[in-house]
């Protein structure tokens, strides 16, 4: 049974929701110690989310093996 891998878009969607819930990107950035410009860059696709940012919105990096058929 194979699980669908999480892609960057999923992390960005979670970030969008978290930013909205926090009242804006500056507020969310302050709460999680990220600059507003970095959060904005991730939201607008100019930068990839860091592992720390992904963790802040509930994701962890998982590595493993999957059988190729």
N, C-alpha and C. Protein backbone atom coordinates (compact mmCIF):
# COMPACT_ATOMS: atom_id res chain seq x y z
N UNK A 1 0.84 -1.18 0.00
CA UNK A 1 0.00 0.00 0.00
C UNK A 1 0.88 1.24 0.00
N UNK A 2 0.74 2.05 -0.99
CA UNK A 2 1.59 3.22 -1.14
C UNK A 2 0.85 4.49 -0.72
N UNK A 3 1.56 5.38 -0.07
CA UNK A 3 0.98 6.66 0.34
C UNK A 3 1.39 7.72 -0.67
N UNK A 4 0.53 8.70 -0.88
CA UNK A 4 0.86 9.80 -1.77
C UNK A 4 1.87 10.70 -1.09
N UNK A 5 2.98 11.00 -1.75
CA UNK A 5 3.97 11.88 -1.11
C UNK A 5 3.45 13.31 -1.00
N UNK A 6 3.89 13.97 0.05
CA UNK A 6 3.54 15.38 0.25
C UNK A 6 4.45 16.19 -0.66
N UNK A 7 3.89 17.10 -1.38
CA UNK A 7 4.69 17.95 -2.24
C UNK A 7 4.68 19.37 -1.70
N UNK A 8 5.55 20.20 -2.24
CA UNK A 8 5.69 21.57 -1.76
C UNK A 8 4.36 22.31 -1.76
N UNK A 9 3.52 22.07 -2.75
CA UNK A 9 2.22 22.75 -2.80
C UNK A 9 1.39 22.49 -1.55
N UNK A 10 1.47 21.28 -1.01
CA UNK A 10 0.72 20.96 0.21
C UNK A 10 1.22 21.77 1.40
N UNK A 11 2.52 21.95 1.49
CA UNK A 11 3.09 22.74 2.57
C UNK A 11 2.67 24.20 2.41
N UNK A 12 2.70 24.70 1.18
CA UNK A 12 2.33 26.09 0.93
C UNK A 12 0.84 26.31 1.24
N UNK A 13 -0.01 25.37 0.89
CA UNK A 13 -1.44 25.49 1.21
C UNK A 13 -1.65 25.53 2.72
N UNK A 14 -0.91 24.70 3.44
CA UNK A 14 -1.01 24.70 4.91
C UNK A 14 -0.51 26.03 5.46
N UNK A 15 0.54 26.57 4.86
CA UNK A 15 1.07 27.87 5.29
C UNK A 15 0.04 28.97 5.04
N UNK A 16 -0.61 28.93 3.89
CA UNK A 16 -1.65 29.93 3.60
C UNK A 16 -2.73 29.93 4.68
N UNK A 17 -3.18 28.74 5.05
CA UNK A 17 -4.21 28.62 6.09
C UNK A 17 -3.71 29.13 7.43
N UNK A 18 -2.47 28.77 7.77
CA UNK A 18 -1.90 29.19 9.06
C UNK A 18 -1.72 30.70 9.12
N UNK A 19 -1.29 31.29 8.00
CA UNK A 19 -1.11 32.74 7.94
C UNK A 19 -2.45 33.45 8.11
N UNK A 20 -3.47 32.94 7.44
CA UNK A 20 -4.80 33.53 7.57
C UNK A 20 -5.30 33.43 9.01
N UNK A 21 -5.12 32.27 9.63
CA UNK A 21 -5.58 32.07 11.01
C UNK A 21 -4.84 32.99 11.99
N UNK A 22 -3.57 33.29 11.68
CA UNK A 22 -2.77 34.13 12.56
C UNK A 22 -3.05 35.62 12.37
N UNK A 23 -3.77 35.95 11.30
CA UNK A 23 -4.08 37.35 11.06
C UNK A 23 -3.14 38.04 10.09
N UNK A 24 -2.34 37.27 9.38
CA UNK A 24 -1.45 37.85 8.38
C UNK A 24 -0.06 37.26 8.44
N UNK A 25 0.70 37.49 7.38
CA UNK A 25 2.02 36.86 7.30
C UNK A 25 3.00 37.44 8.30
N UNK A 26 2.88 38.73 8.62
CA UNK A 26 3.78 39.30 9.63
C UNK A 26 3.53 38.68 11.00
N UNK A 27 2.26 38.54 11.34
CA UNK A 27 1.91 37.95 12.64
C UNK A 27 2.39 36.50 12.72
N UNK A 28 2.12 35.72 11.67
CA UNK A 28 2.54 34.32 11.66
C UNK A 28 4.07 34.24 11.71
N UNK A 29 4.74 35.06 10.92
CA UNK A 29 6.20 35.07 10.91
C UNK A 29 6.78 35.40 12.28
N UNK A 30 6.19 36.39 12.94
CA UNK A 30 6.65 36.76 14.28
C UNK A 30 6.49 35.61 15.25
N UNK A 31 5.34 34.93 15.19
CA UNK A 31 5.07 33.82 16.10
C UNK A 31 6.05 32.66 15.91
N UNK A 32 6.54 32.49 14.68
CA UNK A 32 7.39 31.34 14.37
C UNK A 32 8.82 31.72 14.01
N UNK A 33 9.16 32.98 14.22
CA UNK A 33 10.52 33.50 14.01
C UNK A 33 10.98 33.38 12.56
N UNK A 34 10.12 33.81 11.65
CA UNK A 34 10.47 33.94 10.23
C UNK A 34 10.22 35.38 9.84
N UNK A 35 11.01 35.89 8.89
CA UNK A 35 10.76 37.24 8.41
C UNK A 35 9.53 37.24 7.51
N UNK A 36 8.86 38.38 7.49
CA UNK A 36 7.68 38.52 6.63
C UNK A 36 8.07 38.33 5.17
N UNK A 37 9.26 38.81 4.79
CA UNK A 37 9.67 38.68 3.39
C UNK A 37 9.89 37.21 3.01
N UNK A 38 10.44 36.41 3.92
CA UNK A 38 10.63 34.99 3.63
C UNK A 38 9.29 34.29 3.48
N UNK A 39 8.36 34.55 4.40
CA UNK A 39 7.04 33.93 4.33
C UNK A 39 6.35 34.33 3.02
N UNK A 40 6.46 35.59 2.66
CA UNK A 40 5.87 36.07 1.41
C UNK A 40 6.50 35.37 0.20
N UNK A 41 7.82 35.22 0.22
CA UNK A 41 8.51 34.54 -0.88
C UNK A 41 8.03 33.10 -1.03
N UNK A 42 7.85 32.40 0.08
CA UNK A 42 7.36 31.01 0.02
C UNK A 42 5.93 30.99 -0.52
N UNK A 43 5.10 31.87 -0.02
CA UNK A 43 3.70 31.90 -0.46
C UNK A 43 3.57 32.23 -1.95
N UNK A 44 4.51 33.01 -2.47
CA UNK A 44 4.45 33.43 -3.88
C UNK A 44 5.33 32.60 -4.80
N UNK A 45 5.88 31.50 -4.27
CA UNK A 45 6.65 30.58 -5.10
C UNK A 45 8.05 31.04 -5.47
N UNK A 46 8.54 32.09 -4.84
CA UNK A 46 9.89 32.57 -5.14
C UNK A 46 10.97 31.77 -4.39
N UNK A 47 10.56 31.13 -3.29
CA UNK A 47 11.48 30.29 -2.51
C UNK A 47 10.75 29.04 -2.08
N UNK A 48 11.50 27.97 -1.88
CA UNK A 48 10.93 26.74 -1.35
C UNK A 48 10.85 26.84 0.16
N UNK A 49 9.87 26.17 0.76
CA UNK A 49 9.80 26.18 2.22
C UNK A 49 10.97 25.41 2.82
N UNK A 50 11.50 25.95 3.89
CA UNK A 50 12.58 25.25 4.61
C UNK A 50 11.97 24.12 5.41
N UNK A 51 12.83 23.25 5.88
CA UNK A 51 12.36 22.15 6.73
C UNK A 51 11.73 22.70 8.01
N UNK A 52 12.32 23.76 8.57
CA UNK A 52 11.79 24.36 9.80
C UNK A 52 10.41 24.97 9.56
N UNK A 53 10.21 25.62 8.41
CA UNK A 53 8.90 26.18 8.11
C UNK A 53 7.88 25.06 7.92
N UNK A 54 8.27 24.01 7.21
CA UNK A 54 7.36 22.88 7.00
C UNK A 54 6.93 22.28 8.34
N UNK A 55 7.88 22.15 9.26
CA UNK A 55 7.54 21.64 10.59
C UNK A 55 6.57 22.57 11.31
N UNK A 56 6.74 23.87 11.11
CA UNK A 56 5.88 24.85 11.79
C UNK A 56 4.42 24.75 11.33
N UNK A 57 4.19 24.21 10.15
CA UNK A 57 2.81 24.02 9.67
C UNK A 57 2.40 22.56 9.70
N UNK A 58 3.17 21.73 10.41
CA UNK A 58 2.74 20.37 10.69
C UNK A 58 3.28 19.27 9.79
N UNK A 59 4.36 19.51 9.08
CA UNK A 59 4.94 18.49 8.21
C UNK A 59 6.33 18.10 8.69
N UNK A 60 6.72 16.88 8.42
CA UNK A 60 8.08 16.41 8.69
C UNK A 60 8.60 15.73 7.43
N UNK A 61 9.90 15.79 7.25
CA UNK A 61 10.52 15.12 6.11
C UNK A 61 10.63 13.63 6.43
N UNK A 62 10.18 12.81 5.51
CA UNK A 62 10.23 11.37 5.68
C UNK A 62 10.95 10.78 4.47
N UNK A 63 11.92 9.95 4.74
CA UNK A 63 12.64 9.28 3.66
C UNK A 63 12.44 7.79 3.80
N UNK A 64 12.36 7.12 2.70
CA UNK A 64 12.16 5.68 2.76
C UNK A 64 12.27 5.07 1.37
N UNK A 65 11.83 3.85 1.29
CA UNK A 65 11.90 3.09 0.05
C UNK A 65 10.50 2.68 -0.38
N UNK A 66 10.30 2.62 -1.67
CA UNK A 66 9.04 2.15 -2.20
C UNK A 66 9.35 1.23 -3.38
N UNK A 67 8.65 0.11 -3.46
CA UNK A 67 8.88 -0.85 -4.52
C UNK A 67 8.39 -0.30 -5.86
N UNK A 68 9.23 -0.44 -6.88
CA UNK A 68 8.88 -0.03 -8.22
C UNK A 68 8.47 -1.29 -8.99
N UNK A 69 7.29 -1.27 -9.58
CA UNK A 69 6.82 -2.45 -10.31
C UNK A 69 6.77 -2.20 -11.77
